């Protein structure tokens, strides 16, 4: 649930105000100093502590939202899966931008997300460095980026394995040489999504050509995605879950100081945060509504009972 990372903030060292307006160190028993004093050799600073705590808390929230909503709804987990083939021709072309594949949702649902598993580029220049960037197609916001420096292989594969709740995304690949393989392809249209091939500079251009780019992609549904579309409703349970995980960090820290030695206080605070998180989560779910005809849900037809008297 990456959409909720940094939605709650940690005050200190010039940190900007989070979108939620909530800070974990506004909770009783948590201060910036106490977080800073928990960092171990691997975490190094409070930033490492905060990253670990956020990861665990958002995963916990995801599990709990799924568990609660699954009592009321049956979700279609995997809508469809696509593996686009790379170019297999020898012709090349110079591009001012990068190779791109745009994927759009056709059936809009707050429970739906794009899951990008891998992205592969076939290179005509072997020693090219390849940079992957995934954008929100509507705003141009970068959602994910990474670079692989490669001097040997003619193909490079990026292991993305991330979900994106944005309605439309563009998967792009930039090469240092700006030289790409090219091949005519058919755009892919399914009941659930539209997959277009083209280029990307400042925006997507649908050329109907594949420039050596291939992706393994799923369109998935998850009840927990509701939290990404209604962040304000789920801010409070997340706030308390972050507090609970911070107390867990405090109880298990290898550091010895006044915050780590008082285990009883940490246990009491954790128990209080867990209770408040559960109450807040129930209130959030009660305040959220899902359309029974949502395309991510199984809509069982009504049962008709007919009685015949002979």
Protein backbone atom coordinates (compact mmCIF):
# COMPACT_ATOMS: atom_id res chain seq x y z
CA UNK A 1 0.00 0.00 0.00
CA UNK A 2 2.57 2.53 -1.19
CA UNK A 3 -0.07 5.23 -1.52
CA UNK A 4 -0.05 5.71 2.27
CA UNK A 5 3.72 5.94 2.72
CA UNK A 6 4.52 9.41 4.17
CA UNK A 7 0.79 10.25 4.41
CA UNK A 8 1.45 10.51 8.16
CA UNK A 9 4.52 12.57 9.02
CA UNK A 10 7.37 12.62 11.51
CA UNK A 11 8.18 16.11 12.80
CA UNK A 12 11.84 17.03 13.03
CA UNK A 13 14.86 18.13 11.04
CA UNK A 14 12.84 20.35 8.72
CA UNK A 15 10.35 17.69 7.65
CA UNK A 16 7.53 19.03 5.48
CA UNK A 17 3.92 18.84 6.61
CA UNK A 18 2.21 15.63 5.39
CA UNK A 19 -1.02 15.70 3.40
CA UNK A 20 -2.94 14.24 6.36
CA UNK A 21 -1.77 16.93 8.77
CA UNK A 22 -0.96 14.17 11.29
CA UNK A 23 2.42 13.43 12.84
CA UNK A 24 3.36 10.22 14.62
CA UNK A 25 5.18 12.18 17.31
CA UNK A 26 1.91 13.92 18.18
CA UNK A 27 0.85 10.63 19.76
CA UNK A 28 1.45 10.35 23.52
CA UNK A 29 4.74 8.69 24.43
CA UNK A 30 6.42 9.33 21.07
CA UNK A 31 8.94 12.12 20.46
CA UNK A 32 11.39 12.79 17.67
CA UNK A 33 14.24 12.21 20.12
CA UNK A 34 12.87 8.79 21.09
CA UNK A 35 12.62 7.73 17.43
CA UNK A 36 16.14 8.96 16.77
CA UNK A 37 17.48 6.90 19.69
CA UNK A 38 16.01 3.63 18.35
CA UNK A 39 18.12 3.39 15.18
CA UNK A 40 20.33 0.31 15.03
CA UNK A 41 23.42 -0.32 12.89
CA UNK A 42 21.31 -1.22 9.85
CA UNK A 43 18.79 1.61 10.19
CA UNK A 44 21.59 4.12 10.99
CA UNK A 45 19.29 7.11 11.61
CA UNK A 46 15.69 7.96 12.49
CA UNK A 47 14.95 7.83 8.73
CA UNK A 48 15.66 4.09 8.68
CA UNK A 49 13.49 3.55 11.77
CA UNK A 50 10.63 5.53 10.26
CA UNK A 51 10.89 3.64 6.97
CA UNK A 52 10.67 0.23 8.71
CA UNK A 53 7.77 1.33 10.91
CA UNK A 54 5.80 2.70 7.93
CA UNK A 55 6.33 -0.48 5.92
CA UNK A 56 5.01 -2.71 8.71
CA UNK A 57 2.09 -0.44 9.59
CA UNK A 58 0.85 -0.06 6.01
CA UNK A 59 1.09 -3.83 5.45
CA UNK A 60 -0.85 -4.38 8.67
CA UNK A 61 -3.52 -1.91 7.58
CA UNK A 62 -3.77 -3.63 4.20
CA UNK A 63 -4.39 -7.01 5.83
CA UNK A 64 -6.95 -5.64 8.27
CA UNK A 65 -8.90 -3.72 5.61
CA UNK A 66 -9.03 -6.83 3.42
CA UNK A 67 -10.15 -8.97 6.36
CA UNK A 68 -12.95 -6.61 7.38
CA UNK A 69 -14.30 -5.85 3.90
CA UNK A 70 -14.15 -9.49 2.78
CA UNK A 71 -16.86 -10.21 5.36
CA UNK A 72 -19.22 -8.14 3.19
CA UNK A 73 -17.85 -8.40 -0.34
CA UNK A 74 -16.36 -11.04 -2.63
CA UNK A 75 -13.65 -9.57 -4.83
CA UNK A 76 -12.38 -10.68 -8.26
CA UNK A 77 -8.68 -10.73 -7.37
CA UNK A 78 -7.14 -10.94 -10.86
CA UNK A 79 -9.00 -9.27 -13.71
CA UNK A 80 -6.52 -10.19 -16.44
CA UNK A 81 -2.83 -10.70 -17.15
CA UNK A 82 -0.81 -9.58 -20.18
CA UNK A 83 2.73 -10.30 -21.35
CA UNK A 84 3.64 -8.11 -24.32
CA UNK A 85 6.29 -9.56 -26.69
CA UNK A 86 9.43 -7.50 -27.45
CA UNK A 87 10.47 -6.48 -30.95
CA UNK A 88 12.09 -9.31 -32.90
CA UNK A 89 13.21 -7.34 -35.97
CA UNK A 90 16.64 -5.87 -36.74
CA UNK A 91 15.47 -2.42 -37.92
CA UNK A 92 16.27 0.49 -35.61
CA UNK A 93 15.11 4.06 -35.13
CA UNK A 94 16.37 7.11 -33.24
CA UNK A 95 13.93 8.57 -30.72
CA UNK A 96 14.05 11.97 -29.06
CA UNK A 97 12.36 10.49 -26.01
CA UNK A 98 11.84 6.91 -24.92
CA UNK A 99 9.90 3.78 -25.80
CA UNK A 100 6.53 3.63 -24.05
CA UNK A 101 3.49 1.51 -23.33
CA UNK A 102 0.36 3.22 -22.01
CA UNK A 103 -2.11 1.16 -19.97
CA UNK A 104 -5.56 2.54 -19.18
CA UNK A 105 -8.37 1.15 -17.08
CA UNK A 106 -11.63 0.80 -19.02
CA UNK A 107 -13.76 -0.27 -16.07
CA UNK A 108 -13.17 2.31 -13.33
CA UNK A 109 -13.15 1.06 -9.76
CA UNK A 110 -11.56 2.31 -6.52
CA UNK A 111 -10.57 -1.31 -5.85
CA UNK A 112 -8.57 -1.70 -9.05
CA UNK A 113 -4.82 -1.29 -9.55
CA UNK A 114 -2.14 -1.85 -12.17
CA UNK A 115 0.49 -4.39 -11.10
CA UNK A 116 3.73 -4.18 -13.08
CA UNK A 117 5.83 -7.30 -12.57
CA UNK A 118 8.73 -6.91 -15.01
CA UNK A 119 9.79 -4.54 -17.77
CA UNK A 120 12.31 -5.68 -20.40
CA UNK A 121 14.11 -3.73 -23.12
CA UNK A 122 15.87 -5.29 -26.11
CA UNK A 123 18.85 -3.09 -26.98
CA UNK A 124 20.52 -2.55 -30.35
CA UNK A 125 23.52 -0.89 -28.66
CA UNK A 126 24.89 -3.39 -26.13
CA UNK A 127 26.64 -0.93 -23.79
CA UNK A 128 23.56 1.29 -23.36
CA UNK A 129 22.46 2.28 -19.87
CA UNK A 130 18.69 1.79 -19.53
CA UNK A 131 16.40 3.94 -17.39
CA UNK A 132 12.88 2.82 -16.55
CA UNK A 133 10.29 5.42 -15.56
CA UNK A 134 6.60 4.84 -14.84
CA UNK A 135 4.36 7.90 -15.01
CA UNK A 136 0.80 8.84 -14.14
CA UNK A 137 -0.49 9.32 -17.69
CA UNK A 138 -2.85 12.12 -16.68
CA UNK A 139 -0.57 14.27 -14.51
CA UNK A 140 2.91 13.31 -15.70
CA UNK A 141 3.96 12.51 -12.13
CA UNK A 142 6.80 10.00 -11.85
CA UNK A 143 5.60 6.96 -9.89
CA UNK A 144 8.72 4.80 -10.18
CA UNK A 145 12.17 5.13 -11.71
CA UNK A 146 15.42 3.16 -11.73
CA UNK A 147 18.51 2.77 -13.93
CA UNK A 148 20.51 -0.32 -14.86
CA UNK A 149 24.05 0.19 -16.15
CA UNK A 150 24.72 -2.69 -18.51
CA UNK A 151 27.76 -3.40 -20.63
CA UNK A 152 27.12 -7.01 -21.66
CA UNK A 153 23.56 -8.13 -22.32
CA UNK A 154 21.40 -7.30 -25.31
CA UNK A 155 18.32 -7.36 -23.08
CA UNK A 156 17.82 -5.82 -19.65
CA UNK A 157 14.97 -6.76 -17.30
CA UNK A 158 13.74 -4.56 -14.46
CA UNK A 159 12.04 -6.36 -11.56
CA UNK A 160 9.37 -3.81 -10.60
CA UNK A 161 6.77 -5.87 -8.69
CA UNK A 162 4.70 -2.85 -7.66
CA UNK A 163 1.04 -1.86 -7.68
CA UNK A 164 -0.17 1.51 -8.96
CA UNK A 165 -3.67 2.72 -8.13
CA UNK A 166 -3.54 5.50 -10.75
CA UNK A 167 -6.23 5.25 -13.40
CA UNK A 168 -3.82 5.40 -16.36
CA UNK A 169 -0.07 4.75 -16.38
CA UNK A 170 2.74 5.00 -18.92
CA UNK A 171 5.68 2.60 -18.73
CA UNK A 172 8.72 4.15 -20.44
CA UNK A 173 12.30 3.15 -21.21
CA UNK A 174 15.09 5.58 -22.04
CA UNK A 175 18.44 4.51 -23.55
CA UNK A 176 21.64 6.56 -23.57
CA UNK A 177 22.08 6.06 -27.31
CA UNK A 178 18.42 6.95 -28.06
CA UNK A 179 18.50 4.06 -30.58
CA UNK A 180 15.68 1.52 -30.40
CA UNK A 181 14.48 -1.53 -32.28
CA UNK A 182 11.14 -1.00 -33.97
CA UNK A 183 8.27 -3.25 -35.06
CA UNK A 184 4.62 -2.82 -36.03
CA UNK A 185 2.28 -4.15 -33.34
CA UNK A 186 -1.41 -4.20 -32.63
CA UNK A 187 -2.66 -2.21 -29.67
CA UNK A 188 -4.36 -4.47 -27.14
CA UNK A 189 -7.98 -3.89 -26.18
CA UNK A 190 -9.68 -6.00 -23.53
CA UNK A 191 -12.88 -5.69 -21.57
CA UNK A 192 -10.91 -4.25 -18.66
CA UNK A 193 -8.01 -2.27 -20.11
CA UNK A 194 -6.48 -0.63 -23.15
CA UNK A 195 -2.76 -1.13 -23.93
CA UNK A 196 -1.19 1.24 -26.45
CA UNK A 197 2.35 1.24 -27.89
CA UNK A 198 4.31 4.37 -28.69
CA UNK A 199 6.85 6.90 -27.48
CA UNK A 200 7.16 9.27 -24.55
CA UNK A 201 8.75 12.69 -24.32
CA UNK A 202 6.73 15.08 -22.19
CA UNK A 203 3.61 13.02 -22.92
CA UNK A 204 2.60 9.73 -24.57
CA UNK A 205 2.41 9.47 -28.35
CA UNK A 206 0.51 6.48 -29.74
CA UNK A 207 2.53 5.35 -32.79
CA UNK A 208 1.37 1.73 -32.97
CA UNK A 209 5.02 0.65 -32.91
CA UNK A 210 6.89 -1.43 -30.34
CA UNK A 211 10.43 -0.20 -29.70
CA UNK A 212 11.83 -3.36 -28.11
CA UNK A 213 9.87 -2.86 -24.89
CA UNK A 214 7.92 -5.67 -23.20
CA UNK A 215 6.08 -5.85 -19.89
CA UNK A 216 4.51 -8.52 -17.71
CA UNK A 217 1.43 -6.85 -16.30
CA UNK A 218 -1.67 -7.68 -14.27
CA UNK A 219 -4.85 -5.70 -13.67
CA UNK A 220 -5.79 -6.60 -10.12
CA UNK A 221 -8.52 -5.91 -7.63
CA UNK A 222 -8.03 -5.59 -3.89
CA UNK A 223 -10.40 -4.43 -1.19
CA UNK A 224 -7.53 -2.66 0.52
CA UNK A 225 -7.19 -0.29 -2.46
CA UNK A 226 -10.19 1.52 -1.00
CA UNK A 227 -7.80 3.06 1.54
CA UNK A 228 -5.88 4.72 -1.30
CA UNK A 229 -9.05 6.36 -2.66
CA UNK A 230 -10.30 7.44 0.77
CA UNK A 231 -7.05 8.31 2.55
CA UNK A 232 -8.70 10.79 4.89
CA UNK A 233 -11.00 8.08 6.28
CA UNK A 234 -8.11 5.68 6.93
CA UNK A 235 -5.63 8.26 8.28
CA UNK A 236 -6.71 7.73 11.90
CA UNK A 237 -6.33 3.91 12.00
CA UNK A 238 -3.01 4.24 10.19
CA UNK A 239 -1.87 6.86 12.73
CA UNK A 240 -2.47 4.48 15.62
CA UNK A 241 -0.96 1.50 13.77
CA UNK A 242 2.19 3.54 13.21
CA UNK A 243 2.24 4.26 16.95
CA UNK A 244 1.84 0.56 17.70
CA UNK A 245 4.69 -0.41 15.36
CA UNK A 246 6.89 2.31 16.85
CA UNK A 247 6.35 0.78 20.28
CA UNK A 248 7.23 -2.64 18.82
CA UNK A 249 10.43 -1.07 17.50
CA UNK A 250 11.11 0.33 20.95
CA UNK A 251 10.50 -3.01 22.67
CA UNK A 252 12.82 -4.92 20.34
CA UNK A 253 15.59 -2.34 19.85
CA UNK A 254 19.16 -3.41 20.53
CA UNK A 255 19.93 0.09 21.80
CA UNK A 256 20.06 0.71 25.55
CA UNK A 257 18.69 4.07 26.67
CA UNK A 258 15.83 5.49 28.69
CA UNK A 259 13.28 4.74 25.96
CA UNK A 260 14.24 1.11 25.41
CA UNK A 261 14.67 0.02 29.03
CA UNK A 262 11.13 0.99 30.08
CA UNK A 263 9.49 -1.99 28.39
CA UNK A 264 6.33 -1.82 30.52
CA UNK A 265 5.46 1.67 29.28
CA UNK A 266 6.05 0.57 25.68
CA UNK A 267 3.76 -2.45 26.14
CA UNK A 268 1.00 -0.31 27.67
CA UNK A 269 1.22 2.28 24.88
CA UNK A 270 1.20 -0.43 22.22
CA UNK A 271 -1.92 -2.02 23.71
CA UNK A 272 -3.64 1.38 23.78
CA UNK A 273 -2.69 2.14 20.15
CA UNK A 274 -3.93 -1.30 19.03
CA UNK A 275 -7.33 -0.71 20.66
CA UNK A 276 -7.65 2.77 19.15
CA UNK A 277 -6.56 1.51 15.73
CA UNK A 278 -9.23 -1.21 15.75
CA UNK A 279 -11.95 1.26 16.72
CA UNK A 280 -10.81 3.79 14.12
CA UNK A 281 -10.67 1.13 11.41
CA UNK A 282 -14.24 0.01 12.08
CA UNK A 283 -15.38 3.64 11.89
CA UNK A 284 -13.49 4.17 8.62
CA UNK A 285 -15.00 1.10 7.00
CA UNK A 286 -18.46 2.07 8.21
CA UNK A 287 -17.98 5.49 6.62
CA UNK A 288 -16.80 4.11 3.28
CA UNK A 289 -19.17 2.62 0.76
CA UNK A 290 -18.57 0.30 -2.19
CA UNK A 291 -20.98 0.07 -5.07
CA UNK A 292 -22.42 -3.46 -5.12
CA UNK A 293 -22.13 -3.40 -8.92
CA UNK A 294 -18.45 -2.44 -8.84
CA UNK A 295 -16.62 -4.29 -11.63
CA UNK A 296 -14.16 -5.72 -9.10
CA UNK A 297 -16.87 -7.46 -7.09
CA UNK A 298 -18.68 -10.72 -7.66
CA UNK A 299 -22.32 -9.84 -8.14
CA UNK A 300 -24.28 -12.98 -7.45
CA UNK A 301 -27.71 -12.96 -9.08
CA UNK A 302 -30.68 -12.92 -6.71
CA UNK A 303 -32.02 -16.33 -5.78
CA UNK A 304 -35.53 -16.94 -7.05
CA UNK A 305 -37.71 -19.42 -5.16
CA UNK A 306 -40.66 -20.88 -6.97
CA UNK A 307 -43.17 -23.08 -5.33
CA UNK A 308 -45.39 -25.45 -7.26
CA UNK A 309 -48.44 -27.05 -5.71
CA UNK A 310 -49.64 -30.19 -7.41
